[in-house]
Amino acid sequence: MICEKCKAESPESPYCPQCGKKQVPEPRKHIKRANNTGTVYKLSGRRRRPWVAAKSGVIIGYYEKKTDALDALGNVAQRNVTERYNMTFAEVYESWNSEHFRTLTDSGETGYRSAYDQFAEIHAKAFRTLRTMDFQRCVDDYAAGGRKHSTVSKLKQLVGQMSKWAIREEIIQTNFAPYIILPEYEPVEKEIFDDAEIEKLENCLDDAAKITLMLIYTGMRIGELFTMPVADVHKTYCIGGEKTEAGMNRVIPIPLSIRPYFSYFKSLSKDCELLLDGYEGNRELHNFRKRDYYPLLESLGIKRKTPHSTRHTYASMAVKVGMRPEDLQQILGHADYGTTSNIYVHSNINDLVKAANKLKSKTKKEKKETVEVTNMLLTNS
């Protein structure tokens, strides 16, 4: 063999007898990683992903190639990795809701819990490993059941909220929720109570009919009426609301035609906290709908309509009598009714009450309803 250094011929030997140069190259030593930058090592045995990347005692992941493991460490080089880094979808949800649910109503919590259940197949997966396609699959499966657009959108909203929390906690770096595609929104024309149906309710002595008329002539959501404190009910208006910041603690005028109903329930409530505490029917919303409201409509020969139809009826009547859009939006508790109205239009309580009093109990004007305007005003209601 020829010596690499002196070029002299030498027998097979680890060293050149002429110059002493070592003839067998030493294996290349790996450069030691800097402290606190993690480590990469290989597991024994036959494995599909034998290379492990770890940092601060936390396993980042398992990889087929060493270079992949090194790349994974590079991605978390500037991050503080703890056990929270490997939190599952379920664990992120529990940690997130412990903070977020403090500001929600019971119905708000129920909506998120129901959305969470639809992601059951990924509950046990590390949240940081999930991508748009994982969330999209769950959303598509749920939407395939014919659910409403608003219900399906709650799933996307949940993922977005959880992702923001996970980014804050340095579990992930990207929020994939905006890339989830929801089924196309198909607006449904809401049915409203016509004059003849309202007259049937007015002629009925049942307390459930009184409650239905209170909803029709105030535009309140059913949940707002059932949680209305007696202390917030005044002669010409009440203070209440829910759902959005614009909807909370708003002035809700009480038209002349239904003031006796409010006085009636106040007298039944006596020393109770809520206006409808004296109602002898079902005060739990689901039971009221099922056992009081729908049987009432059936007994009066009124086509089945959801309680929310009362709110659409209010908006429809308000449009017909010429109520100003900014007054109607304020009464309904919507935030988005135009920058000009928000900044320059200020309605006091008396103005709102006067506007509401235009809604007479037995309007006999044109029968053609302004449904398109009504639906536009009630978007996101």
Protein backbone atom coordinates (compact mmCIF):
# COMPACT_ATOMS: atom_id res chain seq x y z
CA MET A 1 0.00 0.00 0.00
CA ILE A 2 1.11 3.64 -0.53
CA CYS A 3 1.46 5.93 2.50
CA GLU A 4 -0.89 8.91 2.27
CA LYS A 5 1.78 11.18 3.71
CA CYS A 6 5.24 10.16 2.38
CA LYS A 7 4.01 8.15 -0.60
CA ALA A 8 6.42 5.32 0.25
CA GLU A 9 5.39 1.75 -0.22
CA SER A 10 4.69 -0.01 3.03
CA PRO A 11 3.28 -3.38 4.02
CA GLU A 12 -0.27 -3.76 5.25
CA SER A 13 0.03 -2.06 8.56
CA PRO A 14 -1.92 0.47 10.60
CA TYR A 15 1.12 2.78 10.53
CA CYS A 16 3.69 3.67 7.84
CA PRO A 17 7.13 2.21 8.80
CA GLN A 18 8.81 5.19 7.11
CA CYS A 19 6.99 8.21 8.58
CA GLY A 20 4.69 6.70 11.17
CA LYS A 21 1.49 8.09 9.59
CA LYS A 22 -1.62 6.20 10.62
CA GLN A 23 -3.03 4.52 7.54
CA VAL A 24 -6.56 3.69 8.79
CA PRO A 25 -8.75 6.83 8.99
CA GLU A 26 -10.42 7.43 12.34
CA PRO A 27 -14.22 7.52 12.32
CA ARG A 28 -15.57 11.04 12.22
CA LYS A 29 -16.69 12.24 15.60
CA HIS A 30 -20.06 13.94 15.88
CA ILE A 31 -20.03 17.47 17.11
CA LYS A 32 -21.59 17.64 20.55
CA ARG A 33 -24.81 19.64 20.68
CA ALA A 34 -24.82 22.77 22.79
CA ASN A 35 -26.39 22.57 26.23
CA ASN A 36 -30.20 22.90 26.42
CA THR A 37 -30.64 22.31 22.68
CA GLY A 38 -31.88 18.76 22.99
CA THR A 39 -30.60 15.40 21.90
CA VAL A 40 -31.08 12.81 19.18
CA TYR A 41 -30.59 9.11 19.76
CA LYS A 42 -31.45 5.79 18.13
CA LEU A 43 -33.57 3.06 19.70
CA SER A 44 -32.43 -0.54 19.47
CA GLY A 45 -34.20 -3.19 17.48
CA ARG A 46 -36.09 -3.07 14.22
CA ARG A 47 -38.39 -0.08 14.26
CA ARG A 48 -40.08 1.98 11.58
CA ARG A 49 -39.14 5.20 13.37
CA PRO A 50 -36.04 4.44 15.47
CA TRP A 51 -34.69 7.98 15.82
CA VAL A 52 -35.84 9.99 18.83
CA ALA A 53 -35.67 13.75 19.30
CA ALA A 54 -35.91 14.97 22.89
CA LYS A 55 -35.47 18.22 24.74
CA SER A 56 -35.54 19.02 28.45
CA GLY A 57 -36.53 15.44 29.13
CA VAL A 58 -39.56 15.70 26.84
CA ILE A 59 -39.78 13.52 23.74
CA ILE A 60 -40.46 15.69 20.71
CA GLY A 61 -41.18 12.76 18.42
CA TYR A 62 -40.02 9.56 16.67
CA TYR A 63 -38.59 9.66 13.14
CA GLU A 64 -37.42 7.37 10.34
CA LYS A 65 -34.21 9.32 9.70
CA LYS A 66 -31.75 11.04 11.95
CA THR A 67 -31.94 14.18 9.83
CA ASP A 68 -35.69 14.35 10.45
CA ALA A 69 -35.08 14.17 14.20
CA LEU A 70 -32.48 16.93 13.98
CA ASP A 71 -34.89 19.09 11.99
CA ALA A 72 -37.55 18.57 14.67
CA LEU A 73 -35.13 19.81 17.32
CA GLY A 74 -34.35 22.82 15.16
CA ASN A 75 -38.05 23.70 15.04
CA VAL A 76 -38.21 23.98 18.81
CA ALA A 77 -34.78 25.50 19.32
CA GLN A 78 -36.15 28.81 20.61
CA ARG A 79 -39.04 27.34 22.57
CA ASN A 80 -39.38 26.29 26.17
CA VAL A 81 -40.46 22.64 25.94
CA THR A 82 -42.34 21.11 28.88
CA GLU A 83 -44.67 18.14 29.31
CA ARG A 84 -47.49 20.42 28.09
CA TYR A 85 -45.89 20.21 24.65
CA ASN A 86 -47.41 16.75 24.16
CA MET A 87 -50.89 17.63 25.43
CA THR A 88 -53.65 15.77 23.62
CA PHE A 89 -56.70 17.39 22.01
CA ALA A 90 -58.72 16.39 25.09
CA GLU A 91 -56.16 17.83 27.50
CA VAL A 92 -55.97 21.11 25.60
CA TYR A 93 -59.76 21.31 25.63
CA GLU A 94 -59.98 20.80 29.40
CA SER A 95 -57.28 23.39 30.10
CA TRP A 96 -58.81 25.86 27.65
CA ASN A 97 -62.38 25.54 28.92
CA SER A 98 -61.32 26.00 32.53
CA GLU A 99 -60.51 29.57 31.53
CA HIS A 100 -62.98 30.26 28.73
CA PHE A 101 -66.13 28.89 30.36
CA ARG A 102 -65.93 31.47 33.15
CA THR A 103 -67.37 34.06 30.78
CA LEU A 104 -70.06 31.88 29.16
CA THR A 105 -73.69 31.18 29.93
CA ASP A 106 -74.91 27.61 30.41
CA SER A 107 -76.14 27.52 26.81
CA GLY A 108 -72.75 28.74 25.60
CA GLU A 109 -70.99 25.94 27.47
CA THR A 110 -73.43 23.39 26.10
CA GLY A 111 -72.66 24.49 22.54
CA TYR A 112 -68.92 24.02 22.99
CA ARG A 113 -69.29 20.69 24.80
CA SER A 114 -71.44 19.38 21.96
CA ALA A 115 -68.86 20.57 19.41
CA TYR A 116 -66.07 18.89 21.39
CA ASP A 117 -67.88 15.55 21.25
CA GLN A 118 -67.75 15.63 17.45
CA PHE A 119 -63.93 15.41 17.55
CA ALA A 120 -63.93 12.11 19.47
CA GLU A 121 -61.64 10.37 16.97
CA ILE A 122 -58.80 12.82 17.67
CA HIS A 123 -59.30 13.32 21.41
CA ALA A 124 -56.25 11.17 22.24
CA LYS A 125 -53.93 12.65 19.61
CA ALA A 126 -51.25 15.21 20.48
CA PHE A 127 -52.72 18.58 19.62
CA ARG A 128 -49.48 19.79 18.03
CA THR A 129 -49.61 16.97 15.47
CA LEU A 130 -53.08 17.83 14.20
CA ARG A 131 -53.53 19.65 10.93
CA THR A 132 -56.40 21.09 8.91
CA MET A 133 -57.22 17.72 7.33
CA ASP A 134 -57.72 16.15 10.78
CA PHE A 135 -60.18 18.81 11.84
CA GLN A 136 -61.82 18.93 8.41
CA ARG A 137 -62.58 15.21 8.49
CA CYS A 138 -64.51 15.57 11.75
CA VAL A 139 -66.36 18.65 10.48
CA ASP A 140 -67.33 16.91 7.23
CA ASP A 141 -68.59 13.83 9.06
CA TYR A 142 -70.73 15.99 11.33
CA ALA A 143 -72.05 18.15 8.49
CA ALA A 144 -73.00 15.03 6.51
CA GLY A 145 -75.75 14.44 9.05
CA GLY A 146 -77.67 17.41 7.67
CA ARG A 147 -76.77 19.81 10.49
CA LYS A 148 -77.39 23.53 10.18
CA HIS A 149 -74.57 25.78 9.07
CA SER A 150 -74.61 27.63 12.41
CA THR A 151 -74.26 24.35 14.31
CA VAL A 152 -71.36 23.10 12.17
CA SER A 153 -69.59 26.45 12.44
CA LYS A 154 -69.39 25.91 16.21
CA LEU A 155 -66.84 23.14 15.54
CA LYS A 156 -64.60 25.52 13.61
CA GLN A 157 -65.01 28.12 16.33
CA LEU A 158 -63.96 25.61 18.99
CA VAL A 159 -60.79 24.60 17.13
CA GLY A 160 -59.93 28.26 16.64
CA GLN A 161 -60.33 29.09 20.32
CA MET A 162 -58.33 26.05 21.42
CA SER A 163 -55.58 26.82 18.91
CA LYS A 164 -55.20 30.38 20.19
CA TRP A 165 -54.80 29.02 23.69
CA ALA A 166 -52.26 26.42 22.50
CA ILE A 167 -50.21 29.08 20.70
CA ARG A 168 -50.15 31.14 23.86
CA GLU A 169 -48.88 28.11 25.77
CA GLU A 170 -46.22 27.43 23.10
CA ILE A 171 -47.72 24.05 22.21
CA ILE A 172 -48.23 24.97 18.56
CA GLN A 173 -47.16 27.78 16.27
CA THR A 174 -49.92 27.76 13.66
CA ASN A 175 -53.69 28.07 13.98
CA PHE A 176 -55.19 25.80 11.30
CA ALA A 177 -58.84 26.63 12.12
CA PRO A 178 -59.20 29.39 9.48
CA TYR A 179 -58.53 26.81 6.77
CA ILE A 180 -61.44 24.57 7.78
CA ILE A 181 -64.10 24.69 5.07
CA LEU A 182 -67.71 24.79 6.24
CA PRO A 183 -70.68 23.64 4.15
CA GLU A 184 -72.23 26.38 2.07
CA TYR A 185 -74.68 28.50 4.03
CA GLU A 186 -78.24 28.17 2.79
CA PRO A 187 -80.45 30.83 4.39
CA VAL A 188 -83.77 29.48 5.62
CA GLU A 189 -86.78 31.74 5.42
CA LYS A 190 -88.17 32.02 8.92
CA GLU A 191 -91.90 31.63 9.42
CA ILE A 192 -93.66 34.33 11.41
CA PHE A 193 -97.00 34.64 13.18
CA ASP A 194 -99.63 36.31 11.01
CA ASP A 195 -102.39 38.61 12.28
CA ALA A 196 -104.96 35.81 12.58
CA GLU A 197 -102.60 33.65 14.62
CA ILE A 198 -101.70 36.54 16.91
CA GLU A 199 -105.40 37.19 17.44
CA LYS A 200 -105.88 33.57 18.49
CA LEU A 201 -103.12 33.96 21.06
CA GLU A 202 -104.67 37.18 22.36
CA ASN A 203 -108.03 35.49 22.81
CA CYS A 204 -106.46 32.59 24.71
CA LEU A 205 -106.40 32.78 28.51
CA ASP A 206 -103.52 30.33 28.90
CA ASP A 207 -100.37 31.74 30.59
CA ALA A 208 -98.22 30.15 27.88
CA ALA A 209 -100.10 32.31 25.34
CA LYS A 210 -99.28 35.41 27.39
CA ILE A 211 -95.60 34.45 27.39
CA THR A 212 -95.67 33.91 23.61
CA LEU A 213 -97.22 37.34 23.09
CA MET A 214 -94.61 38.89 25.37
CA LEU A 215 -91.96 37.44 23.07
CA ILE A 216 -93.77 38.59 19.92
CA TYR A 217 -94.18 42.20 21.11
CA THR A 218 -90.73 42.69 22.65
CA GLY A 219 -88.51 40.79 20.22
CA MET A 220 -86.73 39.13 23.13
CA ARG A 221 -85.10 35.75 22.80
CA ILE A 222 -86.92 33.14 24.85
CA GLY A 223 -83.88 32.71 27.10
CA GLU A 224 -83.84 36.44 27.79
CA LEU A 225 -87.43 36.45 28.98
CA PHE A 226 -87.04 33.37 31.19
CA THR A 227 -83.99 34.87 32.92
CA MET A 228 -85.44 38.38 33.28
CA PRO A 229 -85.10 39.62 36.91
CA VAL A 230 -88.21 41.25 38.39
CA ALA A 231 -86.04 44.19 39.46
CA ASP A 232 -85.24 44.94 35.80
CA VAL A 233 -88.87 45.20 34.72
CA HIS A 234 -90.21 48.76 34.69
CA LYS A 235 -93.53 50.21 33.59
CA THR A 236 -92.63 50.96 29.98
CA TYR A 237 -89.44 48.98 29.48
CA CYS A 238 -87.20 46.30 30.92
CA ILE A 239 -83.44 45.82 31.02
CA GLY A 240 -82.05 42.51 29.86
CA GLY A 241 -80.39 40.53 27.11
CA GLU A 242 -77.76 37.92 26.38
CA LYS A 243 -75.42 36.48 23.74
CA THR A 244 -73.37 39.53 22.64
CA GLU A 245 -71.97 42.66 24.25
CA ALA A 246 -74.50 44.72 22.30
CA GLY A 247 -77.30 42.46 23.48
CA MET A 248 -76.43 42.56 27.18
CA ASN A 249 -78.15 45.05 29.51
CA ARG A 250 -80.08 46.71 26.70
CA VAL A 251 -83.37 48.63 26.90
CA ILE A 252 -86.30 46.49 25.72
CA PRO A 253 -89.49 48.58 25.35
CA ILE A 254 -92.79 47.11 26.55
CA PRO A 255 -95.61 48.14 24.18
CA LEU A 256 -98.94 49.20 25.69
CA SER A 257 -100.74 46.07 24.51
CA ILE A 258 -98.66 43.68 26.65
CA ARG A 259 -97.91 45.74 29.74
CA PRO A 260 -100.75 43.97 31.58
CA TYR A 261 -98.96 40.64 30.97
CA PHE A 262 -95.76 41.89 32.59
CA SER A 263 -97.76 43.23 35.54
CA TYR A 264 -99.58 39.92 35.79
CA PHE A 265 -96.41 37.84 36.06
CA LYS A 266 -94.85 40.34 38.46
CA SER A 267 -97.82 39.83 40.74
CA LEU A 268 -97.40 36.04 40.53
CA SER A 269 -93.70 36.21 41.28
CA LYS A 270 -94.19 38.16 44.53
CA ASP A 271 -90.85 37.97 46.34
CA CYS A 272 -89.17 35.77 43.72
CA GLU A 273 -86.10 36.86 41.80
CA LEU A 274 -87.21 36.24 38.20
CA LEU A 275 -90.24 37.60 36.39
CA LEU A 276 -91.53 34.15 35.38
CA ASP A 277 -90.83 32.43 38.72
CA GLY A 278 -94.56 32.54 39.40
CA TYR A 279 -95.41 30.76 36.15
CA GLU A 280 -96.95 27.39 37.02
CA GLY A 281 -95.90 25.74 33.78
CA ASN A 282 -92.45 24.51 32.76
CA ARG A 283 -89.76 27.13 33.40
CA GLU A 284 -86.93 25.03 31.96
CA LEU A 285 -86.66 26.14 28.33
CA HIS A 286 -86.57 22.71 26.70
CA ASN A 287 -89.58 21.56 28.70
CA PHE A 288 -91.46 24.81 28.02
CA ARG A 289 -91.05 24.34 24.28
CA LYS A 290 -91.98 20.68 24.35
CA ARG A 291 -94.79 20.64 26.92
CA ASP A 292 -96.25 24.15 26.91
CA TYR A 293 -95.43 26.10 23.75
CA TYR A 294 -95.92 23.52 20.97
CA PRO A 295 -99.07 22.00 22.56
CA LEU A 296 -100.47 25.55 22.81
CA LEU A 297 -99.97 26.18 19.09
CA GLU A 298 -101.52 22.82 18.26
CA SER A 299 -104.56 23.49 20.45
CA LEU A 300 -105.13 26.86 18.76
CA GLY A 301 -104.71 25.48 15.26
CA ILE A 302 -101.52 27.47 14.66
CA LYS A 303 -98.88 25.98 12.39
CA ARG A 304 -95.84 24.77 14.34
CA LYS A 305 -93.15 27.47 14.59
CA THR A 306 -90.07 27.68 16.76
CA PRO A 307 -90.09 30.17 19.68
CA HIS A 308 -87.46 32.15 17.76
CA SER A 309 -90.16 32.88 15.16
CA THR A 310 -91.59 35.36 17.66
CA ARG A 311 -88.43 37.44 17.26
CA HIS A 312 -88.75 37.40 13.48
CA THR A 313 -92.41 38.37 13.85
CA TYR A 314 -91.40 41.42 15.91
CA ALA A 315 -88.90 42.52 13.29
CA SER A 316 -91.42 42.02 10.49
CA MET A 317 -94.07 44.11 12.26
CA ALA A 318 -91.53 46.78 13.09
CA VAL A 319 -90.53 47.10 9.42
CA LYS A 320 -94.17 47.38 8.37
CA VAL A 321 -94.95 50.23 10.76
CA GLY A 322 -91.85 52.11 9.68
CA MET A 323 -89.63 51.76 12.76
CA ARG A 324 -86.20 53.24 12.17
CA PRO A 325 -83.63 50.50 11.44
CA GLU A 326 -81.26 51.87 14.10
CA ASP A 327 -84.03 51.71 16.73
CA LEU A 328 -84.93 48.16 15.73
CA GLN A 329 -81.32 47.02 15.82
CA GLN A 330 -80.87 48.56 19.26
CA ILE A 331 -84.04 46.91 20.59
CA LEU A 332 -83.00 43.52 19.18
CA GLY A 333 -79.50 43.91 20.60
CA HIS A 334 -77.36 43.72 17.47
CA ALA A 335 -73.96 45.37 17.24
CA ASP A 336 -73.61 45.59 13.46
CA TYR A 337 -76.09 48.08 12.08
CA GLY A 338 -73.74 50.49 10.41
CA THR A 339 -70.93 52.73 11.62
CA THR A 340 -73.02 55.87 11.17
CA SER A 341 -75.78 54.56 13.41
CA ASN A 342 -73.31 53.38 16.04
CA ILE A 343 -71.54 56.72 16.25
CA TYR A 344 -74.07 59.41 15.41
CA VAL A 345 -77.49 58.00 16.33
CA HIS A 346 -78.40 57.96 20.03
CA SER A 347 -81.86 56.72 21.02
CA ASN A 348 -83.03 57.33 24.57
CA ILE A 349 -85.51 55.11 26.43
CA ASN A 350 -88.52 57.30 25.59
CA ASP A 351 -87.67 57.20 21.88
CA LEU A 352 -87.45 53.41 21.92
CA VAL A 353 -90.74 53.08 23.82
CA LYS A 354 -92.48 55.37 21.32
CA ALA A 355 -91.08 53.30 18.47
CA ALA A 356 -92.29 50.07 20.05
CA ASN A 357 -95.77 51.47 20.71
CA LYS A 358 -96.31 51.63 16.97
CA LEU A 359 -96.79 47.86 17.17
CA LYS A 360 -100.51 47.57 17.80
CA SER A 361 -101.97 44.29 18.93
CA LYS A 362 -104.29 43.78 15.94
CA THR A 363 -102.58 45.30 12.91
CA LYS A 364 -104.80 45.00 9.80
CA LYS A 365 -102.40 46.42 7.23
CA GLU A 366 -101.18 44.65 4.13
CA LYS A 367 -100.77 40.89 4.51
CA LYS A 368 -97.61 40.69 2.43
CA GLU A 369 -94.71 40.34 4.85
CA THR A 370 -91.34 41.98 4.26
CA VAL A 371 -89.51 38.71 4.86
CA GLU A 372 -86.26 39.61 3.09
CA VAL A 373 -85.77 42.76 5.17
CA THR A 374 -86.67 40.88 8.32
CA ASN A 375 -84.16 38.10 7.69
CA MET A 376 -81.46 40.65 6.93
CA LEU A 377 -82.10 42.47 10.22
CA LEU A 378 -82.11 39.22 12.15
CA THR A 379 -78.81 37.89 10.80
CA ASN A 380 -76.78 36.47 13.71
CA SER A 381 -79.72 36.96 16.08
